[in-house]
C-alpha atoms as a PDB file:
ATOM      1  CA  MET A   1      -5.367 -29.386  -1.011  1.00  0.00           C
ATOM      2  CA  SER A   2      -8.882 -29.456   0.266  1.00  0.00           C
ATOM      3  CA  GLU A   3     -11.219 -26.414   0.669  1.00  0.00           C
ATOM      4  CA  SER A   4     -10.868 -26.517   4.469  1.00  0.00           C
ATOM      5  CA  HIS A   5      -7.198 -26.794   4.346  1.00  0.00           C
ATOM      6  CA  TRP A   6      -6.936 -23.728   2.199  1.00  0.00           C
ATOM      7  CA  HIS A   7      -9.431 -21.823   4.246  1.00  0.00           C
ATOM      8  CA  THR A   8      -7.358 -22.582   7.436  1.00  0.00           C
ATOM      9  CA  LEU A   9      -3.911 -21.640   5.570  1.00  0.00           C
ATOM     10  CA  ALA A  10      -5.499 -18.561   4.213  1.00  0.00           C
ATOM     11  CA  THR A  11      -6.751 -17.301   7.737  1.00  0.00           C
ATOM     12  CA  LEU A  12      -3.428 -17.981   9.236  1.00  0.00           C
ATOM     13  CA  ALA A  13      -1.498 -16.287   6.398  1.00  0.00           C
ATOM     14  CA  SER A  14      -3.791 -13.217   6.377  1.00  0.00           C
ATOM     15  CA  ALA A  15      -3.521 -12.867  10.286  1.00  0.00           C
ATOM     16  CA  THR A  16       0.278 -13.281  10.287  1.00  0.00           C
ATOM     17  CA  CYS A  17       0.867 -10.865   7.364  1.00  0.00           C
ATOM     18  CA  TRP A  18      -1.375  -8.273   8.579  1.00  0.00           C
ATOM     19  CA  GLY A  19      -0.285  -8.734  12.240  1.00  0.00           C
ATOM     20  CA  LEU A  20       3.397  -8.191  11.139  1.00  0.00           C
ATOM     21  CA  PHE A  21       2.321  -5.229   9.466  1.00  0.00           C
ATOM     22  CA  ALA A  22       0.494  -3.664  12.306  1.00  0.00           C
ATOM     23  CA  LEU A  23       3.317  -4.412  14.756  1.00  0.00           C
ATOM     24  CA  THR A  24       5.873  -2.975  12.355  1.00  0.00           C
ATOM     25  CA  TRP A  25       3.915   0.171  11.985  1.00  0.00           C
ATOM     26  CA  LEU A  26       3.348   0.494  15.656  1.00  0.00           C
ATOM     27  CA  ILE A  27       6.927   0.098  16.616  1.00  0.00           C
ATOM     28  CA  GLY A  28       8.171   2.314  14.013  1.00  0.00           C
ATOM     29  CA  ALA A  29       5.666   5.027  14.851  1.00  0.00           C
ATOM     30  CA  VAL A  30       6.845   5.026  18.653  1.00  0.00           C
ATOM     31  CA  TYR A  31      10.668   4.852  17.607  1.00  0.00           C
ATOM     32  CA  ASN A  32      10.092   7.792  15.138  1.00  0.00           C
ATOM     33  CA  GLU A  33       8.312   9.838  17.628  1.00  0.00           C
ATOM     34  CA  GLN A  34      11.369   9.849  19.859  1.00  0.00           C
ATOM     35  CA  HIS A  35      14.221   9.648  17.370  1.00  0.00           C
ATOM     36  CA  ALA A  36      13.143  11.068  13.924  1.00  0.00           C
ATOM     37  CA  PRO A  37      14.106  14.448  12.673  1.00  0.00           C
ATOM     38  CA  LYS A  38      11.548  17.173  13.333  1.00  0.00           C
ATOM     39  CA  ALA A  39       9.026  18.081  10.618  1.00  0.00           C
ATOM     40  CA  ARG A  40       9.837  21.395   8.737  1.00  0.00           C
ATOM     41  CA  ARG A  41       7.014  21.547   6.267  1.00  0.00           C
ATOM     42  CA  ARG A  42       3.535  19.884   6.193  1.00  0.00           C
ATOM     43  CA  ALA A  43       1.188  19.426   3.246  1.00  0.00           C
ATOM     44  CA  ALA A  44      -0.952  22.583   2.795  1.00  0.00           C
ATOM     45  CA  ARG A  45      -4.074  20.148   2.549  1.00  0.00           C
ATOM     46  CA  ILE A  46      -4.309  17.058   4.460  1.00  0.00           C
ATOM     47  CA  PHE A  47      -6.352  14.351   2.725  1.00  0.00           C
ATOM     48  CA  PRO A  48      -9.181  13.244   5.156  1.00  0.00           C
ATOM     49  CA  TRP A  49      -7.913   9.528   5.057  1.00  0.00           C
ATOM     50  CA  ALA A  50      -8.729   8.859   8.769  1.00  0.00           C
ATOM     51  CA  LEU A  51     -12.385  10.049   8.297  1.00  0.00           C
ATOM     52  CA  ILE A  52     -12.782   7.938   5.125  1.00  0.00           C
ATOM     53  CA  LEU A  53     -11.343   4.917   7.084  1.00  0.00           C
ATOM     54  CA  VAL A  54     -13.755   5.503  10.106  1.00  0.00           C
ATOM     55  CA  LEU A  55     -16.689   5.605   7.684  1.00  0.00           C
ATOM     56  CA  ALA A  56     -15.560   2.572   5.899  1.00  0.00           C
ATOM     57  CA  ILE A  57     -15.659   0.696   9.321  1.00  0.00           C
ATOM     58  CA  ILE A  58     -18.962   2.116  10.108  1.00  0.00           C
ATOM     59  CA  VAL A  59     -20.286   0.842   6.720  1.00  0.00           C
ATOM     60  CA  LEU A  60     -18.709  -2.527   7.019  1.00  0.00           C
ATOM     61  CA  LEU A  61     -19.847  -3.209  10.483  1.00  0.00           C
ATOM     62  CA  GLY A  62     -23.290  -1.955   9.771  1.00  0.00           C
ATOM     63  CA  ILE A  63     -24.026  -4.011   6.712  1.00  0.00           C
ATOM     64  CA  PRO A  64     -25.101  -7.634   7.717  1.00  0.00           C
ATOM     65  CA  HIS A  65     -22.507 -10.263   6.781  1.00  0.00           C
ATOM     66  CA  THR A  66     -25.068 -11.983   4.571  1.00  0.00           C
ATOM     67  CA  SER A  67     -25.366  -9.029   2.469  1.00  0.00           C
ATOM     68  CA  TRP A  68     -21.895  -9.431   1.055  1.00  0.00           C
ATOM     69  CA  ARG A  69     -22.697 -13.048  -0.306  1.00  0.00           C
ATOM     70  CA  SER A  70     -23.589 -11.491  -3.790  1.00  0.00           C
ATOM     71  CA  LEU A  71     -19.884 -10.358  -3.867  1.00  0.00           C
ATOM     72  CA  THR A  72     -18.217 -13.404  -2.442  1.00  0.00           C
ATOM     73  CA  VAL A  73     -16.826 -15.635  -4.921  1.00  0.00           C
ATOM     74  CA  ARG A  74     -14.884 -18.778  -3.595  1.00  0.00           C
ATOM     75  CA  SER A  75     -13.048 -20.483  -6.162  1.00  0.00           C
ATOM     76  CA  GLY A  76      -9.921 -22.986  -5.720  1.00  0.00           C
ATOM     77  CA  TRP A  77      -8.032 -21.148  -8.515  1.00  0.00           C
ATOM     78  CA  ALA A  78      -7.690 -17.888  -6.455  1.00  0.00           C
ATOM     79  CA  TYR A  79      -6.163 -19.463  -3.358  1.00  0.00           C
ATOM     80  CA  ALA A  80      -2.612 -20.199  -4.548  1.00  0.00           C
ATOM     81  CA  PRO A  81      -2.163 -16.746  -6.484  1.00  0.00           C
ATOM     82  CA  GLY A  82      -3.732 -15.076  -3.426  1.00  0.00           C
ATOM     83  CA  LEU A  83      -1.402 -16.483  -1.002  1.00  0.00           C
ATOM     84  CA  ALA A  84       1.530 -15.819  -3.268  1.00  0.00           C
ATOM     85  CA  ILE A  85       0.541 -12.060  -3.813  1.00  0.00           C
ATOM     86  CA  LEU A  86      -0.025 -11.715   0.062  1.00  0.00           C
ATOM     87  CA  LEU A  87       3.262 -12.979   1.166  1.00  0.00           C
ATOM     88  CA  VAL A  88       5.266 -11.178  -1.493  1.00  0.00           C
ATOM     89  CA  SER A  89       3.488  -7.983  -0.988  1.00  0.00           C
ATOM     90  CA  THR A  90       3.975  -8.140   2.779  1.00  0.00           C
ATOM     91  CA  VAL A  91       7.831  -8.684   2.271  1.00  0.00           C
ATOM     92  CA  PHE A  92       7.919  -5.909  -0.159  1.00  0.00           C
ATOM     93  CA  THR A  93       5.962  -3.320   2.172  1.00  0.00           C
ATOM     94  CA  LEU A  94       8.121  -4.332   5.371  1.00  0.00           C
ATOM     95  CA  TRP A  95      11.405  -3.781   3.038  1.00  0.00           C
ATOM     96  CA  ALA A  96      10.267  -0.424   1.911  1.00  0.00           C
ATOM     97  CA  ARG A  97       9.297   0.612   5.439  1.00  0.00           C
ATOM     98  CA  ALA A  98      12.676  -0.357   6.747  1.00  0.00           C
ATOM     99  CA  VAL A  99      14.452   1.443   3.942  1.00  0.00           C
ATOM    100  CA  LEU A 100      12.374   4.549   4.581  1.00  0.00           C
ATOM    101  CA  GLY A 101      13.465   4.558   8.264  1.00  0.00           C
ATOM    102  CA  LYS A 102      13.170   7.767  10.140  1.00  0.00           C
ATOM    103  CA  MET A 103      11.646   9.544   7.076  1.00  0.00           C
ATOM    104  CA  TRP A 104       8.354   7.694   7.446  1.00  0.00           C
ATOM    105  CA  THR A 105       5.440   9.552   8.676  1.00  0.00           C
ATOM    106  CA  LEU A 106       1.804   8.865   9.027  1.00  0.00           C
ATOM    107  CA  SER A 107       0.992  12.301   7.351  1.00  0.00           C
ATOM    108  CA  PRO A 108       2.680  13.917   4.426  1.00  0.00           C
ATOM    109  CA  VAL A 109       5.492  16.024   5.895  1.00  0.00           C
ATOM    110  CA  LEU A 110       9.168  17.196   4.972  1.00  0.00           C
ATOM    111  CA  LYS A 111      11.579  16.637   7.756  1.00  0.00           C
ATOM    112  CA  GLU A 112      14.823  18.456   8.650  1.00  0.00           C
ATOM    113  CA  ASP A 113      17.601  17.013   6.281  1.00  0.00           C
ATOM    114  CA  HIS A 114      15.052  15.155   4.396  1.00  0.00           C
ATOM    115  CA  ALA A 115      16.385  12.358   2.416  1.00  0.00           C
ATOM    116  CA  LEU A 116      15.020  11.242  -1.057  1.00  0.00           C
ATOM    117  CA  ARG A 117      14.912   7.396  -1.438  1.00  0.00           C
ATOM    118  CA  THR A 118      15.552   6.071  -4.832  1.00  0.00           C
ATOM    119  CA  THR A 119      17.152   2.778  -4.332  1.00  0.00           C
ATOM    120  CA  GLY A 120      16.084  -0.719  -3.081  1.00  0.00           C
ATOM    121  CA  PRO A 121      12.233  -1.016  -3.401  1.00  0.00           C
ATOM    122  CA  TYR A 122      12.298   2.827  -4.347  1.00  0.00           C
ATOM    123  CA  ALA A 123      13.760   1.902  -7.536  1.00  0.00           C
ATOM    124  CA  VAL A 124      10.847  -0.434  -8.219  1.00  0.00           C
ATOM    125  CA  THR A 125       8.108   2.066  -7.589  1.00  0.00           C
ATOM    126  CA  HIS A 126       7.742   5.713  -6.440  1.00  0.00           C
ATOM    127  CA  HIS A 127       5.653   4.575  -3.495  1.00  0.00           C
ATOM    128  CA  PRO A 128       6.470   1.079  -2.765  1.00  0.00           C
ATOM    129  CA  ILE A 129       4.755   1.021   0.809  1.00  0.00           C
ATOM    130  CA  TYR A 130       1.620   1.831  -1.026  1.00  0.00           C
ATOM    131  CA  THR A 131       2.362  -0.781  -3.623  1.00  0.00           C
ATOM    132  CA  GLY A 132       2.876  -3.462  -1.065  1.00  0.00           C
ATOM    133  CA  MET A 133      -0.374  -2.442   1.005  1.00  0.00           C
ATOM    134  CA  LEU A 134      -2.498  -2.709  -2.194  1.00  0.00           C
ATOM    135  CA  GLY A 135      -1.084  -6.084  -3.100  1.00  0.00           C
ATOM    136  CA  MET A 136      -1.644  -7.188   0.408  1.00  0.00           C
ATOM    137  CA  LEU A 137      -5.321  -6.086   0.177  1.00  0.00           C
ATOM    138  CA  ILE A 138      -5.449  -8.026  -3.374  1.00  0.00           C
ATOM    139  CA  GLY A 139      -4.072 -11.091  -1.966  1.00  0.00           C
ATOM    140  CA  THR A 140      -6.266 -11.028   1.028  1.00  0.00           C
ATOM    141  CA  ALA A 141      -9.292 -10.347  -1.101  1.00  0.00           C
ATOM    142  CA  LEU A 142      -8.472 -13.394  -3.091  1.00  0.00           C
ATOM    143  CA  LEU A 143      -7.953 -15.603  -0.238  1.00  0.00           C
ATOM    144  CA  ALA A 144     -11.243 -14.436   1.459  1.00  0.00           C
ATOM    145  CA  GLY A 145     -13.324 -14.781  -1.765  1.00  0.00           C
ATOM    146  CA  LEU A 146     -13.691 -10.976  -2.497  1.00  0.00           C
ATOM    147  CA  GLY A 147     -16.843  -9.957  -0.635  1.00  0.00           C
ATOM    148  CA  HIS A 148     -16.077  -6.841   1.437  1.00  0.00           C
ATOM    149  CA  TRP A 149     -12.456  -6.664   0.896  1.00  0.00           C
ATOM    150  CA  LEU A 150     -13.375  -5.336  -2.530  1.00  0.00           C
ATOM    151  CA  VAL A 151     -14.866  -2.354  -0.731  1.00  0.00           C
ATOM    152  CA  LEU A 152     -11.772  -2.033   1.339  1.00  0.00           C
ATOM    153  CA  LEU A 153      -9.603  -2.217  -1.778  1.00  0.00           C
ATOM    154  CA  VAL A 154     -11.469   0.609  -3.305  1.00  0.00           C
ATOM    155  CA  LEU A 155     -11.318   2.778  -0.446  1.00  0.00           C
ATOM    156  CA  ALA A 156      -7.747   2.033  -0.056  1.00  0.00           C
ATOM    157  CA  VAL A 157      -7.082   3.294  -3.690  1.00  0.00           C
ATOM    158  CA  VAL A 158      -9.046   6.589  -2.916  1.00  0.00           C
ATOM    159  CA  ILE A 159      -7.062   7.045   0.335  1.00  0.00           C
ATOM    160  CA  ILE A 160      -3.721   6.376  -1.028  1.00  0.00           C
ATOM    161  CA  GLU A 161      -4.158   8.559  -4.095  1.00  0.00           C
ATOM    162  CA  GLY A 162      -5.054  11.371  -1.911  1.00  0.00           C
ATOM    163  CA  LYS A 163      -1.783  10.862   0.118  1.00  0.00           C
ATOM    164  CA  ILE A 164       0.266  10.363  -2.899  1.00  0.00           C
ATOM    165  CA  GLN A 165      -0.841  13.928  -4.316  1.00  0.00           C
ATOM    166  CA  ALA A 166       0.069  15.419  -1.068  1.00  0.00           C
ATOM    167  CA  GLU A 167       3.409  13.678  -0.659  1.00  0.00           C
ATOM    168  CA  GLU A 168       4.441  14.395  -4.175  1.00  0.00           C
ATOM    169  CA  GLY A 169       3.694  18.003  -4.040  1.00  0.00           C
ATOM    170  CA  LEU A 170       6.141  18.313  -1.098  1.00  0.00           C
ATOM    171  CA  LEU A 171       8.904  16.192  -2.824  1.00  0.00           C
ATOM    172  CA  VAL A 172       8.696  18.280  -6.088  1.00  0.00           C
ATOM    173  CA  GLU A 173       9.060  21.461  -3.715  1.00  0.00           C
ATOM    174  CA  ALA A 174      12.118  19.830  -1.737  1.00  0.00           C
ATOM    175  CA  PHE A 175      13.786  18.149  -4.670  1.00  0.00           C
ATOM    176  CA  PRO A 176      13.072  20.268  -7.900  1.00  0.00           C
ATOM    177  CA  GLY A 177      14.601  18.579 -11.086  1.00  0.00           C
ATOM    178  CA  ARG A 178      15.646  15.532  -9.153  1.00  0.00           C
ATOM    179  CA  TYR A 179      12.274  14.242  -8.170  1.00  0.00           C
ATOM    180  CA  GLU A 180      10.832  14.846 -11.589  1.00  0.00           C
ATOM    181  CA  GLN A 181      13.641  12.809 -13.209  1.00  0.00           C
ATOM    182  CA  TYR A 182      13.029  10.147 -10.621  1.00  0.00           C
ATOM    183  CA  ARG A 183       9.240  10.271 -11.286  1.00  0.00           C
ATOM    184  CA  ARG A 184       9.681   9.952 -15.231  1.00  0.00           C
ATOM    185  CA  ARG A 185      12.191   6.950 -14.718  1.00  0.00           C
ATOM    186  CA  VAL A 186      10.355   4.911 -12.110  1.00  0.00           C
ATOM    187  CA  PRO A 187       6.601   3.646 -12.260  1.00  0.00           C
ATOM    188  CA  ARG A 188       4.377   5.228  -9.548  1.00  0.00           C
ATOM    189  CA  LEU A 189       2.598   2.153  -8.261  1.00  0.00           C
ATOM    190  CA  VAL A 190       2.740  -0.720 -10.444  1.00  0.00           C
ATOM    191  CA  PRO A 191       6.171  -2.432 -11.024  1.00  0.00           C
ATOM    192  CA  GLY A 192       7.065  -2.704 -14.596  1.00  0.00           C
ATOM    193  CA  ALA A 193       4.510  -0.161 -15.831  1.00  0.00           C
ATOM    194  CA  SER A 194       6.861   1.898 -17.690  1.00  0.00           C
ATOM    195  CA  ARG A 195       8.401  -1.018 -19.563  1.00  0.00           C
ATOM    196  CA  LEU A 196       4.805  -2.298 -20.397  1.00  0.00           C
ATOM    197  CA  ARG A 197       4.037   1.238 -21.769  1.00  0.00           C
ATOM    198  CA  GLY A 198       7.050   1.177 -23.848  1.00  0.00           C
ATOM    199  CA  MET A 199       6.360  -2.233 -25.313  1.00  0.00           C
ATOM    200  CA  LEU A 200       2.576  -1.263 -25.990  1.00  0.00           C
ATOM    201  CA  GLY A 201       4.007   1.866 -27.659  1.00  0.00           C
ATOM    202  CA  ARG A 202       6.507  -0.068 -30.050  1.00  0.00           C
ATOM    203  CA  LEU A 203       3.654  -2.429 -30.913  1.00  0.00           C
ATOM    204  CA  ARG A 204       1.400   0.316 -32.133  1.00  0.00           C
ATOM    205  CA  HIS A 205       4.093   1.574 -34.334  1.00  0.00           C
END
């Protein structure tokens, strides 16, 4: 496939995947506002993810497009894996969002009759939505030739880490013992990380 065809496919795939992501989140937020159980406990310290996101947008818009050329690496080998990662990650993210259902919130909270999800995508990682989002960013970055997407990926890691800390604090409080067992059994963000650590440990010995 020619470079121009790959570029067209990459643009279409990125727009479709992120469009589905945004539409799902918007519809879910509106629905949950009316039908989700009420929040009974919020994280004591809310990570300022929104502020970081706004600052990121300001920086990205303020820096001329030509300044990102030093970070832009367009190579044919990155298109196929980038597309595959983007598509798989999008499906995984939407699956996790569907499974979470009414328990989903924009900020870390515990709801009335809060349910701990441990099956489906939640048997793959603790935070499959974040896993999928990071995968979508990696896939898009590969398709776009890196550039400013590297900055967005780093910022996403910072924001997600902050939200994870707040969410896990609430879950440990709500499900003492049970969540600790789940956390030891299932990887945090990277699928298969526990098995990989086990294999590396056996190799060392």
